Amino acid sequence: MGGIAGVFYITVALLMAPRLGALNFIMTVIVGQLIISLLIDYFGLVGLPRQTISMQKLIGVLVVIGGFIITTRG
């Protein structure tokens, strides 16, 4: 699975980075990772213990999303 995911990521990066720009592409990846990480913790996926989504975690993710919105609008 890791090999397939790696090939998919590289392919998407080669296709989308020139269109979005380096900053917007990397910000998209980071926002996606943060959201998926919250879901993995909340549901206890891949064998990890379940964790609640605290207000601090939610605010942190929202701040990053806000930064992403600011950079893509400019």
N, C-alpha and C. Protein backbone atom coordinates (compact mmCIF):
# COMPACT_ATOMS: atom_id res chain seq x y z
N MET A 1 0.82 -1.20 0.00
CA MET A 1 0.00 0.00 0.00
C MET A 1 0.86 1.26 0.00
N GLY A 2 1.94 1.23 0.76
CA GLY A 2 2.80 2.40 0.85
C GLY A 2 3.41 2.77 -0.50
N GLY A 3 3.80 1.77 -1.28
CA GLY A 3 4.36 2.02 -2.59
C GLY A 3 3.35 2.66 -3.53
N ILE A 4 2.13 2.14 -3.49
CA ILE A 4 1.07 2.69 -4.34
C ILE A 4 0.75 4.12 -3.92
N ALA A 5 0.66 4.35 -2.62
CA ALA A 5 0.38 5.71 -2.12
C ALA A 5 1.50 6.66 -2.51
N GLY A 6 2.75 6.21 -2.45
CA GLY A 6 3.88 7.05 -2.83
C GLY A 6 3.85 7.43 -4.29
N VAL A 7 3.55 6.46 -5.15
CA VAL A 7 3.46 6.74 -6.58
C VAL A 7 2.31 7.71 -6.86
N PHE A 8 1.17 7.51 -6.18
CA PHE A 8 0.03 8.41 -6.35
C PHE A 8 0.40 9.83 -5.93
N TYR A 9 1.07 9.97 -4.78
CA TYR A 9 1.45 11.29 -4.29
C TYR A 9 2.39 12.00 -5.27
N ILE A 10 3.40 11.28 -5.75
CA ILE A 10 4.36 11.88 -6.67
C ILE A 10 3.67 12.30 -7.97
N THR A 11 2.76 11.46 -8.46
CA THR A 11 2.04 11.79 -9.69
C THR A 11 1.19 13.04 -9.51
N VAL A 12 0.45 13.09 -8.41
CA VAL A 12 -0.38 14.26 -8.13
C VAL A 12 0.49 15.50 -7.95
N ALA A 13 1.61 15.35 -7.27
CA ALA A 13 2.51 16.50 -7.06
C ALA A 13 3.05 17.02 -8.39
N LEU A 14 3.42 16.12 -9.29
CA LEU A 14 3.94 16.55 -10.58
C LEU A 14 2.89 17.25 -11.43
N LEU A 15 1.64 16.83 -11.28
CA LEU A 15 0.57 17.42 -12.07
C LEU A 15 0.02 18.70 -11.47
N MET A 16 -0.10 18.76 -10.15
CA MET A 16 -0.79 19.87 -9.50
C MET A 16 0.13 21.00 -9.02
N ALA A 17 1.36 20.70 -8.65
CA ALA A 17 2.25 21.74 -8.14
C ALA A 17 2.46 22.88 -9.14
N PRO A 18 2.66 22.60 -10.42
CA PRO A 18 2.80 23.73 -11.36
C PRO A 18 1.53 24.58 -11.47
N ARG A 19 0.37 23.96 -11.32
CA ARG A 19 -0.89 24.72 -11.42
C ARG A 19 -1.17 25.52 -10.16
N LEU A 20 -0.95 24.91 -9.00
CA LEU A 20 -1.26 25.57 -7.73
C LEU A 20 -0.13 26.45 -7.23
N GLY A 21 1.09 26.13 -7.57
CA GLY A 21 2.26 26.76 -6.99
C GLY A 21 2.73 25.93 -5.82
N ALA A 22 3.98 26.06 -5.48
CA ALA A 22 4.56 25.22 -4.42
C ALA A 22 3.89 25.45 -3.07
N LEU A 23 3.68 26.71 -2.69
CA LEU A 23 3.09 27.02 -1.38
C LEU A 23 1.69 26.44 -1.26
N ASN A 24 0.85 26.69 -2.24
CA ASN A 24 -0.53 26.21 -2.16
C ASN A 24 -0.60 24.68 -2.19
N PHE A 25 0.28 24.05 -2.96
CA PHE A 25 0.28 22.59 -2.99
C PHE A 25 0.66 22.01 -1.64
N ILE A 26 1.74 22.51 -1.06
CA ILE A 26 2.19 21.99 0.24
C ILE A 26 1.15 22.29 1.32
N MET A 27 0.54 23.48 1.28
CA MET A 27 -0.50 23.81 2.25
C MET A 27 -1.69 22.85 2.12
N THR A 28 -2.05 22.50 0.89
CA THR A 28 -3.14 21.55 0.67
C THR A 28 -2.80 20.20 1.30
N VAL A 29 -1.58 19.76 1.12
CA VAL A 29 -1.13 18.48 1.70
C VAL A 29 -1.20 18.54 3.22
N ILE A 30 -0.72 19.63 3.81
CA ILE A 30 -0.70 19.75 5.27
C ILE A 30 -2.11 19.81 5.84
N VAL A 31 -2.99 20.59 5.22
CA VAL A 31 -4.38 20.66 5.70
C VAL A 31 -5.04 19.28 5.61
N GLY A 32 -4.81 18.57 4.53
CA GLY A 32 -5.36 17.23 4.39
C GLY A 32 -4.83 16.29 5.46
N GLN A 33 -3.54 16.35 5.75
CA GLN A 33 -2.95 15.50 6.78
C GLN A 33 -3.52 15.82 8.16
N LEU A 34 -3.72 17.08 8.46
CA LEU A 34 -4.27 17.45 9.76
C LEU A 34 -5.70 16.94 9.93
N ILE A 35 -6.52 17.10 8.89
CA ILE A 35 -7.91 16.65 8.98
C ILE A 35 -7.98 15.13 9.12
N ILE A 36 -7.20 14.42 8.31
CA ILE A 36 -7.18 12.96 8.40
C ILE A 36 -6.65 12.51 9.76
N SER A 37 -5.65 13.20 10.29
CA SER A 37 -5.11 12.84 11.60
C SER A 37 -6.16 12.99 12.70
N LEU A 38 -6.96 14.07 12.63
CA LEU A 38 -8.03 14.23 13.60
C LEU A 38 -9.03 13.08 13.53
N LEU A 39 -9.38 12.68 12.30
CA LEU A 39 -10.32 11.57 12.13
C LEU A 39 -9.73 10.25 12.61
N ILE A 40 -8.46 10.01 12.33
CA ILE A 40 -7.81 8.78 12.80
C ILE A 40 -7.82 8.73 14.33
N ASP A 41 -7.48 9.84 14.97
CA ASP A 41 -7.50 9.88 16.44
C ASP A 41 -8.91 9.70 16.99
N TYR A 42 -9.87 10.37 16.40
CA TYR A 42 -11.24 10.33 16.92
C TYR A 42 -11.85 8.93 16.82
N PHE A 43 -11.65 8.27 15.69
CA PHE A 43 -12.24 6.95 15.49
C PHE A 43 -11.32 5.81 15.91
N GLY A 44 -10.08 6.11 16.28
CA GLY A 44 -9.15 5.07 16.70
C GLY A 44 -8.77 4.13 15.57
N LEU A 45 -8.56 4.67 14.39
CA LEU A 45 -8.24 3.84 13.24
C LEU A 45 -6.79 3.37 13.28
N VAL A 46 -6.46 2.42 12.46
CA VAL A 46 -5.13 1.80 12.31
C VAL A 46 -4.53 1.37 13.65
N GLY A 47 -5.37 0.92 14.55
CA GLY A 47 -4.90 0.38 15.82
C GLY A 47 -4.49 1.40 16.87
N LEU A 48 -4.74 2.66 16.63
CA LEU A 48 -4.40 3.68 17.62
C LEU A 48 -5.54 3.84 18.62
N PRO A 49 -5.21 4.24 19.85
CA PRO A 49 -6.28 4.46 20.82
C PRO A 49 -7.13 5.67 20.44
N ARG A 50 -8.42 5.60 20.75
CA ARG A 50 -9.32 6.71 20.45
C ARG A 50 -8.98 7.92 21.33
N GLN A 51 -9.03 9.10 20.73
CA GLN A 51 -8.79 10.33 21.47
C GLN A 51 -9.85 11.34 21.08
N THR A 52 -10.24 12.12 22.03
CA THR A 52 -11.25 13.14 21.75
C THR A 52 -10.60 14.30 21.00
N ILE A 53 -11.43 15.04 20.28
CA ILE A 53 -10.96 16.23 19.59
C ILE A 53 -11.16 17.40 20.55
N SER A 54 -10.04 17.87 21.11
CA SER A 54 -10.12 18.97 22.07
C SER A 54 -10.28 20.30 21.34
N MET A 55 -10.65 21.30 22.09
CA MET A 55 -10.81 22.64 21.52
C MET A 55 -9.47 23.17 21.01
N GLN A 56 -8.38 22.87 21.71
CA GLN A 56 -7.07 23.32 21.26
C GLN A 56 -6.70 22.71 19.92
N LYS A 57 -6.96 21.42 19.74
CA LYS A 57 -6.67 20.77 18.47
C LYS A 57 -7.51 21.37 17.36
N LEU A 58 -8.78 21.58 17.63
CA LEU A 58 -9.69 22.12 16.62
C LEU A 58 -9.29 23.54 16.23
N ILE A 59 -8.94 24.36 17.21
CA ILE A 59 -8.51 25.73 16.92
C ILE A 59 -7.21 25.72 16.11
N GLY A 60 -6.29 24.83 16.46
CA GLY A 60 -5.04 24.73 15.72
C GLY A 60 -5.27 24.40 14.25
N VAL A 61 -6.14 23.43 14.00
CA VAL A 61 -6.44 23.05 12.62
C VAL A 61 -7.14 24.20 11.90
N LEU A 62 -8.05 24.87 12.58
CA LEU A 62 -8.75 26.00 11.95
C LEU A 62 -7.81 27.16 11.63
N VAL A 63 -6.80 27.37 12.47
CA VAL A 63 -5.82 28.42 12.19
C VAL A 63 -5.04 28.08 10.92
N VAL A 64 -4.64 26.81 10.77
CA VAL A 64 -3.91 26.40 9.57
C VAL A 64 -4.81 26.53 8.34
N ILE A 65 -6.08 26.13 8.46
CA ILE A 65 -7.02 26.27 7.35
C ILE A 65 -7.20 27.74 7.00
N GLY A 66 -7.29 28.60 8.02
CA GLY A 66 -7.37 30.04 7.77
C GLY A 66 -6.16 30.56 7.03
N GLY A 67 -4.98 30.10 7.39
CA GLY A 67 -3.76 30.48 6.67
C GLY A 67 -3.79 30.01 5.24
N PHE A 68 -4.31 28.81 5.03
CA PHE A 68 -4.44 28.28 3.67
C PHE A 68 -5.38 29.16 2.84
N ILE A 69 -6.49 29.56 3.42
CA ILE A 69 -7.45 30.41 2.71
C ILE A 69 -6.81 31.75 2.37
N ILE A 70 -6.08 32.31 3.30
CA ILE A 70 -5.42 33.60 3.06
C ILE A 70 -4.40 33.49 1.93
N THR A 71 -3.62 32.43 1.90
CA THR A 71 -2.60 32.31 0.86
C THR A 71 -3.19 32.01 -0.51
N THR A 72 -4.31 31.32 -0.57
CA THR A 72 -4.88 30.98 -1.88
C THR A 72 -5.67 32.14 -2.48
N ARG A 73 -6.13 33.06 -1.67
CA ARG A 73 -6.89 34.20 -2.18
C ARG A 73 -6.00 35.28 -2.76
N GLY A 74 -4.74 35.29 -2.38
CA GLY A 74 -3.85 36.38 -2.79
C GLY A 74 -3.27 36.28 -4.14
